Amino acid sequence: NDPNVVLGAAETRFLKPVRRGDRLVASAQTVGSEGRKREVRVEATVNSDTVFEGTFTCFVLERHVLGDTGSE
């Protein structure tokens, strides 16, 4: 849970339709880490059926990409 993370790439698959009112449960796990690069695998289910899966490539930065936002 780093405060300054940007998305570099996403490979996603929507496997089944989801209807309004469905209870969607998502889980994420870091599956790779090299330097500032992180690979995160996400799976979402409805009633134990996988409806979404994806792998996200993220990069942890030392500071926010917009620089000093003056929010501190």
PDB file of N, CA and C in Angstrom:
ATOM      1  N   ASN A   1       0.823  -1.185   0.000  1.00  0.00           N
ATOM      2  CA  ASN A   1       0.000   0.000   0.000  1.00  0.00           C
ATOM      3  C   ASN A   1       0.868   1.250   0.000  1.00  0.00           C
ATOM      4  N   ASP A   2       1.558   1.467  -1.075  1.00  0.00           N
ATOM      5  CA  ASP A   2       2.382   2.662  -1.200  1.00  0.00           C
ATOM      6  C   ASP A   2       1.511   3.844  -1.620  1.00  0.00           C
ATOM      7  N   PRO A   3       1.827   5.053  -1.151  1.00  0.00           N
ATOM      8  CA  PRO A   3       0.979   6.208  -1.464  1.00  0.00           C
ATOM      9  C   PRO A   3       1.111   6.712  -2.900  1.00  0.00           C
ATOM     10  N   ASN A   4       2.210   6.453  -3.565  1.00  0.00           N
ATOM     11  CA  ASN A   4       2.434   6.992  -4.911  1.00  0.00           C
ATOM     12  C   ASN A   4       2.679   5.858  -5.901  1.00  0.00           C
ATOM     13  N   VAL A   5       1.603   5.392  -6.511  1.00  0.00           N
ATOM     14  CA  VAL A   5       1.661   4.277  -7.454  1.00  0.00           C
ATOM     15  C   VAL A   5       0.982   4.690  -8.749  1.00  0.00           C
ATOM     16  N   VAL A   6       1.602   4.352  -9.878  1.00  0.00           N
ATOM     17  CA  VAL A   6       0.979   4.599 -11.180  1.00  0.00           C
ATOM     18  C   VAL A   6       0.834   3.273 -11.915  1.00  0.00           C
ATOM     19  N   LEU A   7      -0.198   3.208 -12.739  1.00  0.00           N
ATOM     20  CA  LEU A   7      -0.467   2.012 -13.526  1.00  0.00           C
ATOM     21  C   LEU A   7       0.323   2.075 -14.819  1.00  0.00           C
ATOM     22  N   GLY A   8       1.082   1.020 -15.105  1.00  0.00           N
ATOM     23  CA  GLY A   8       1.864   0.965 -16.331  1.00  0.00           C
ATOM     24  C   GLY A   8       1.192   0.156 -17.420  1.00  0.00           C
ATOM     25  N   ALA A   9       0.483  -0.914 -17.031  1.00  0.00           N
ATOM     26  CA  ALA A   9      -0.188  -1.776 -18.010  1.00  0.00           C
ATOM     27  C   ALA A   9      -1.252  -2.593 -17.298  1.00  0.00           C
ATOM     28  N   ALA A  10      -2.227  -3.038 -18.084  1.00  0.00           N
ATOM     29  CA  ALA A  10      -3.282  -3.893 -17.540  1.00  0.00           C
ATOM     30  C   ALA A  10      -3.691  -4.908 -18.591  1.00  0.00           C
ATOM     31  N   GLU A  11      -3.731  -6.153 -18.183  1.00  0.00           N
ATOM     32  CA  GLU A  11      -4.251  -7.232 -19.027  1.00  0.00           C
ATOM     33  C   GLU A  11      -5.462  -7.786 -18.294  1.00  0.00           C
ATOM     34  N   THR A  12      -6.658  -7.558 -18.848  1.00  0.00           N
ATOM     35  CA  THR A  12      -7.881  -7.936 -18.152  1.00  0.00           C
ATOM     36  C   THR A  12      -8.783  -8.782 -19.033  1.00  0.00           C
ATOM     37  N   ARG A  13      -9.590  -9.599 -18.371  1.00  0.00           N
ATOM     38  CA  ARG A  13     -10.577 -10.430 -19.074  1.00  0.00           C
ATOM     39  C   ARG A  13     -11.874 -10.425 -18.270  1.00  0.00           C
ATOM     40  N   PHE A  14     -12.946 -10.048 -18.942  1.00  0.00           N
ATOM     41  CA  PHE A  14     -14.272 -10.126 -18.348  1.00  0.00           C
ATOM     42  C   PHE A  14     -14.867 -11.450 -18.807  1.00  0.00           C
ATOM     43  N   LEU A  15     -15.066 -12.387 -17.891  1.00  0.00           N
ATOM     44  CA  LEU A  15     -15.385 -13.766 -18.231  1.00  0.00           C
ATOM     45  C   LEU A  15     -16.880 -14.070 -18.284  1.00  0.00           C
ATOM     46  N   LYS A  16     -17.655 -13.391 -17.460  1.00  0.00           N
ATOM     47  CA  LYS A  16     -19.101 -13.616 -17.403  1.00  0.00           C
ATOM     48  C   LYS A  16     -19.792 -12.293 -17.102  1.00  0.00           C
ATOM     49  N   PRO A  17     -21.040 -12.150 -17.523  1.00  0.00           N
ATOM     50  CA  PRO A  17     -21.762 -10.914 -17.211  1.00  0.00           C
ATOM     51  C   PRO A  17     -22.094 -10.822 -15.723  1.00  0.00           C
ATOM     52  N   VAL A  18     -22.193  -9.593 -15.253  1.00  0.00           N
ATOM     53  CA  VAL A  18     -22.580  -9.303 -13.876  1.00  0.00           C
ATOM     54  C   VAL A  18     -23.843  -8.456 -13.943  1.00  0.00           C
ATOM     55  N   ARG A  19     -24.802  -8.801 -13.104  1.00  0.00           N
ATOM     56  CA  ARG A  19     -26.068  -8.077 -13.110  1.00  0.00           C
ATOM     57  C   ARG A  19     -26.181  -7.183 -11.872  1.00  0.00           C
ATOM     58  N   ARG A  20     -26.950  -6.125 -12.024  1.00  0.00           N
ATOM     59  CA  ARG A  20     -27.191  -5.234 -10.892  1.00  0.00           C
ATOM     60  C   ARG A  20     -27.767  -6.062  -9.742  1.00  0.00           C
ATOM     61  N   GLY A  21     -27.225  -5.846  -8.566  1.00  0.00           N
ATOM     62  CA  GLY A  21     -27.657  -6.599  -7.397  1.00  0.00           C
ATOM     63  C   GLY A  21     -26.758  -7.785  -7.062  1.00  0.00           C
ATOM     64  N   ASP A  22     -25.927  -8.220  -8.022  1.00  0.00           N
ATOM     65  CA  ASP A  22     -24.968  -9.290  -7.737  1.00  0.00           C
ATOM     66  C   ASP A  22     -23.959  -8.817  -6.699  1.00  0.00           C
ATOM     67  N   ARG A  23     -23.535  -9.721  -5.840  1.00  0.00           N
ATOM     68  CA  ARG A  23     -22.482  -9.403  -4.866  1.00  0.00           C
ATOM     69  C   ARG A  23     -21.146  -9.788  -5.478  1.00  0.00           C
ATOM     70  N   LEU A  24     -20.370  -8.782  -5.810  1.00  0.00           N
ATOM     71  CA  LEU A  24     -19.070  -8.960  -6.449  1.00  0.00           C
ATOM     72  C   LEU A  24     -17.989  -8.934  -5.372  1.00  0.00           C
ATOM     73  N   VAL A  25     -17.160  -9.977  -5.329  1.00  0.00           N
ATOM     74  CA  VAL A  25     -16.070 -10.058  -4.359  1.00  0.00           C
ATOM     75  C   VAL A  25     -14.760 -10.086  -5.135  1.00  0.00           C
ATOM     76  N   ALA A  26     -13.897  -9.104  -4.870  1.00  0.00           N
ATOM     77  CA  ALA A  26     -12.616  -9.013  -5.572  1.00  0.00           C
ATOM     78  C   ALA A  26     -11.476  -9.273  -4.599  1.00  0.00           C
ATOM     79  N   SER A  27     -10.453  -9.955  -5.092  1.00  0.00           N
ATOM     80  CA  SER A  27      -9.247 -10.171  -4.296  1.00  0.00           C
ATOM     81  C   SER A  27      -8.041  -9.857  -5.168  1.00  0.00           C
ATOM     82  N   ALA A  28      -7.018  -9.321  -4.522  1.00  0.00           N
ATOM     83  CA  ALA A  28      -5.796  -8.943  -5.235  1.00  0.00           C
ATOM     84  C   ALA A  28      -4.592  -9.472  -4.476  1.00  0.00           C
ATOM     85  N   GLN A  29      -3.569  -9.828  -5.248  1.00  0.00           N
ATOM     86  CA  GLN A  29      -2.348 -10.357  -4.646  1.00  0.00           C
ATOM     87  C   GLN A  29      -1.154  -9.888  -5.462  1.00  0.00           C
ATOM     88  N   THR A  30      -0.130  -9.405  -4.787  1.00  0.00           N
ATOM     89  CA  THR A  30       1.115  -9.067  -5.462  1.00  0.00           C
ATOM     90  C   THR A  30       1.812 -10.369  -5.820  1.00  0.00           C
ATOM     91  N   VAL A  31       2.047 -10.580  -7.124  1.00  0.00           N
ATOM     92  CA  VAL A  31       2.655 -11.836  -7.578  1.00  0.00           C
ATOM     93  C   VAL A  31       4.088 -11.643  -8.061  1.00  0.00           C
ATOM     94  N   GLY A  32       4.528 -10.389  -8.145  1.00  0.00           N
ATOM     95  CA  GLY A  32       5.896 -10.127  -8.564  1.00  0.00           C
ATOM     96  C   GLY A  32       6.350  -8.757  -8.114  1.00  0.00           C
ATOM     97  N   SER A  33       7.627  -8.648  -7.809  1.00  0.00           N
ATOM     98  CA  SER A  33       8.193  -7.384  -7.367  1.00  0.00           C
ATOM     99  C   SER A  33       9.648  -7.329  -7.805  1.00  0.00           C
ATOM    100  N   GLU A  34       9.972  -6.292  -8.560  1.00  0.00           N
ATOM    101  CA  GLU A  34      11.347  -6.105  -9.024  1.00  0.00           C
ATOM    102  C   GLU A  34      11.648  -4.614  -9.009  1.00  0.00           C
ATOM    103  N   GLY A  35      12.476  -4.190  -8.067  1.00  0.00           N
ATOM    104  CA  GLY A  35      12.750  -2.764  -7.929  1.00  0.00           C
ATOM    105  C   GLY A  35      11.469  -2.024  -7.584  1.00  0.00           C
ATOM    106  N   ARG A  36      11.117  -1.046  -8.406  1.00  0.00           N
ATOM    107  CA  ARG A  36       9.891  -0.267  -8.182  1.00  0.00           C
ATOM    108  C   ARG A  36       8.681  -0.846  -8.913  1.00  0.00           C
ATOM    109  N   LYS A  37       8.872  -1.913  -9.645  1.00  0.00           N
ATOM    110  CA  LYS A  37       7.801  -2.528 -10.434  1.00  0.00           C
ATOM    111  C   LYS A  37       7.070  -3.590  -9.616  1.00  0.00           C
ATOM    112  N   ARG A  38       5.737  -3.576  -9.691  1.00  0.00           N
ATOM    113  CA  ARG A  38       4.910  -4.572  -9.019  1.00  0.00           C
ATOM    114  C   ARG A  38       3.940  -5.183 -10.024  1.00  0.00           C
ATOM    115  N   GLU A  39       3.749  -6.488  -9.932  1.00  0.00           N
ATOM    116  CA  GLU A  39       2.735  -7.193 -10.721  1.00  0.00           C
ATOM    117  C   GLU A  39       1.642  -7.618  -9.741  1.00  0.00           C
ATOM    118  N   VAL A  40       0.425  -7.204 -10.010  1.00  0.00           N
ATOM    119  CA  VAL A  40      -0.694  -7.491  -9.120  1.00  0.00           C
ATOM    120  C   VAL A  40      -1.748  -8.282  -9.884  1.00  0.00           C
ATOM    121  N   ARG A  41      -2.143  -9.403  -9.325  1.00  0.00           N
ATOM    122  CA  ARG A  41      -3.162 -10.265  -9.942  1.00  0.00           C
ATOM    123  C   ARG A  41      -4.480 -10.044  -9.214  1.00  0.00           C
ATOM    124  N   VAL A  42      -5.547  -9.818  -9.983  1.00  0.00           N
ATOM    125  CA  VAL A  42      -6.865  -9.548  -9.413  1.00  0.00           C
ATOM    126  C   VAL A  42      -7.867 -10.561  -9.964  1.00  0.00           C
ATOM    127  N   GLU A  43      -8.722 -11.046  -9.085  1.00  0.00           N
ATOM    128  CA  GLU A  43      -9.807 -11.939  -9.491  1.00  0.00           C
ATOM    129  C   GLU A  43     -11.079 -11.464  -8.806  1.00  0.00           C
ATOM    130  N   ALA A  44     -12.187 -11.436  -9.554  1.00  0.00           N
ATOM    131  CA  ALA A  44     -13.483 -11.073  -8.986  1.00  0.00           C
ATOM    132  C   ALA A  44     -14.455 -12.218  -9.224  1.00  0.00           C
ATOM    133  N   THR A  45     -15.258 -12.496  -8.202  1.00  0.00           N
ATOM    134  CA  THR A  45     -16.210 -13.599  -8.290  1.00  0.00           C
ATOM    135  C   THR A  45     -17.615 -13.137  -7.915  1.00  0.00           C
ATOM    136  N   VAL A  46     -18.596 -13.867  -8.424  1.00  0.00           N
ATOM    137  CA  VAL A  46     -19.991 -13.754  -8.007  1.00  0.00           C
ATOM    138  C   VAL A  46     -20.450 -15.175  -7.710  1.00  0.00           C
ATOM    139  N   ASN A  47     -20.870 -15.415  -6.476  1.00  0.00           N
ATOM    140  CA  ASN A  47     -21.295 -16.767  -6.065  1.00  0.00           C
ATOM    141  C   ASN A  47     -20.241 -17.819  -6.406  1.00  0.00           C
ATOM    142  N   SER A  48     -19.000 -17.535  -6.125  1.00  0.00           N
ATOM    143  CA  SER A  48     -17.857 -18.431  -6.364  1.00  0.00           C
ATOM    144  C   SER A  48     -17.514 -18.642  -7.835  1.00  0.00           C
ATOM    145  N   ASP A  49     -18.243 -17.999  -8.753  1.00  0.00           N
ATOM    146  CA  ASP A  49     -17.909 -18.063 -10.182  1.00  0.00           C
ATOM    147  C   ASP A  49     -16.998 -16.892 -10.533  1.00  0.00           C
ATOM    148  N   THR A  50     -15.871 -17.166 -11.158  1.00  0.00           N
ATOM    149  CA  THR A  50     -14.960 -16.100 -11.558  1.00  0.00           C
ATOM    150  C   THR A  50     -15.563 -15.336 -12.732  1.00  0.00           C
ATOM    151  N   VAL A  51     -15.726 -14.011 -12.549  1.00  0.00           N
ATOM    152  CA  VAL A  51     -16.322 -13.172 -13.589  1.00  0.00           C
ATOM    153  C   VAL A  51     -15.309 -12.201 -14.199  1.00  0.00           C
ATOM    154  N   PHE A  52     -14.177 -12.024 -13.517  1.00  0.00           N
ATOM    155  CA  PHE A  52     -13.142 -11.097 -13.978  1.00  0.00           C
ATOM    156  C   PHE A  52     -11.796 -11.604 -13.504  1.00  0.00           C
ATOM    157  N   GLU A  53     -10.777 -11.444 -14.357  1.00  0.00           N
ATOM    158  CA  GLU A  53      -9.405 -11.695 -13.927  1.00  0.00           C
ATOM    159  C   GLU A  53      -8.493 -10.726 -14.661  1.00  0.00           C
ATOM    160  N   GLY A  54      -7.444 -10.318 -13.986  1.00  0.00           N
ATOM    161  CA  GLY A  54      -6.530  -9.388 -14.618  1.00  0.00           C
ATOM    162  C   GLY A  54      -5.190  -9.336 -13.911  1.00  0.00           C
ATOM    163  N   THR A  55      -4.209  -8.870 -14.658  1.00  0.00           N
ATOM    164  CA  THR A  55      -2.878  -8.628 -14.117  1.00  0.00           C
ATOM    165  C   THR A  55      -2.528  -7.178 -14.402  1.00  0.00           C
ATOM    166  N   PHE A  56      -2.125  -6.475 -13.361  1.00  0.00           N
ATOM    167  CA  PHE A  56      -1.809  -5.059 -13.457  1.00  0.00           C
ATOM    168  C   PHE A  56      -0.328  -4.847 -13.158  1.00  0.00           C
ATOM    169  N   THR A  57       0.348  -4.098 -14.017  1.00  0.00           N
ATOM    170  CA  THR A  57       1.739  -3.727 -13.798  1.00  0.00           C
ATOM    171  C   THR A  57       1.746  -2.307 -13.247  1.00  0.00           C
ATOM    172  N   CYS A  58       2.285  -2.154 -12.054  1.00  0.00           N
ATOM    173  CA  CYS A  58       2.295  -0.862 -11.371  1.00  0.00           C
ATOM    174  C   CYS A  58       3.730  -0.470 -11.034  1.00  0.00           C
ATOM    175  N   PHE A  59       3.923   0.831 -10.860  1.00  0.00           N
ATOM    176  CA  PHE A  59       5.235   1.344 -10.492  1.00  0.00           C
ATOM    177  C   PHE A  59       5.102   2.234  -9.267  1.00  0.00           C
ATOM    178  N   VAL A  60       5.948   1.999  -8.270  1.00  0.00           N
ATOM    179  CA  VAL A  60       5.963   2.786  -7.046  1.00  0.00           C
ATOM    180  C   VAL A  60       6.924   3.952  -7.255  1.00  0.00           C
ATOM    181  N   LEU A  61       6.423   5.169  -7.040  1.00  0.00           N
ATOM    182  CA  LEU A  61       7.232   6.372  -7.235  1.00  0.00           C
ATOM    183  C   LEU A  61       7.617   6.976  -5.887  1.00  0.00           C
ATOM    184  N   GLU A  62       8.714   7.727  -5.888  1.00  0.00           N
ATOM    185  CA  GLU A  62       9.148   8.386  -4.656  1.00  0.00           C
ATOM    186  C   GLU A  62       8.227   9.531  -4.281  1.00  0.00           C
ATOM    187  N   ARG A  63       7.679  10.206  -5.299  1.00  0.00           N
ATOM    188  CA  ARG A  63       6.757  11.312  -5.020  1.00  0.00           C
ATOM    189  C   ARG A  63       5.642  11.285  -6.059  1.00  0.00           C
ATOM    190  N   HIS A  64       4.604  12.030  -5.794  1.00  0.00           N
ATOM    191  CA  HIS A  64       3.432  12.064  -6.657  1.00  0.00           C
ATOM    192  C   HIS A  64       3.806  12.577  -8.043  1.00  0.00           C
ATOM    193  N   VAL A  65       3.189  12.019  -9.087  1.00  0.00           N
ATOM    194  CA  VAL A  65       3.526  12.396 -10.465  1.00  0.00           C
ATOM    195  C   VAL A  65       3.236  13.863 -10.752  1.00  0.00           C
ATOM    196  N   LEU A  66       2.345  14.489 -10.006  1.00  0.00           N
ATOM    197  CA  LEU A  66       2.035  15.907 -10.205  1.00  0.00           C
ATOM    198  C   LEU A  66       2.910  16.816  -9.360  1.00  0.00           C
ATOM    199  N   GLY A  67       3.851  16.237  -8.640  1.00  0.00           N
ATOM    200  CA  GLY A  67       4.743  17.038  -7.810  1.00  0.00           C
ATOM    201  C   GLY A  67       4.054  17.452  -6.525  1.00  0.00           C
ATOM    202  N   ASP A  68       4.470  18.577  -5.974  1.00  0.00           N
ATOM    203  CA  ASP A  68       3.898  19.080  -4.726  1.00  0.00           C
ATOM    204  C   ASP A  68       2.500  19.616  -4.999  1.00  0.00           C
ATOM    205  N   THR A  69       1.496  18.967  -4.418  1.00  0.00           N
ATOM    206  CA  THR A  69       0.117  19.420  -4.605  1.00  0.00           C
ATOM    207  C   THR A  69      -0.321  20.358  -3.494  1.00  0.00           C
ATOM    208  N   GLY A  70       0.550  20.557  -2.508  1.00  0.00           N
ATOM    209  CA  GLY A  70       0.226  21.461  -1.416  1.00  0.00           C
ATOM    210  C   GLY A  70      -0.812  20.909  -0.456  1.00  0.00           C
ATOM    211  N   SER A  71      -1.026  19.612  -0.479  1.00  0.00           N
ATOM    212  CA  SER A  71      -2.066  19.020   0.360  1.00  0.00           C
ATOM    213  C   SER A  71      -1.576  18.645   1.755  1.00  0.00           C
ATOM    214  N   GLU A  72      -0.309  18.824   2.036  1.00  0.00           N
ATOM    215  CA  GLU A  72       0.211  18.436   3.359  1.00  0.00           C
ATOM    216  C   GLU A  72       0.166  19.581   4.315  1.00  0.00           C
TER     217      GLU A  72
END
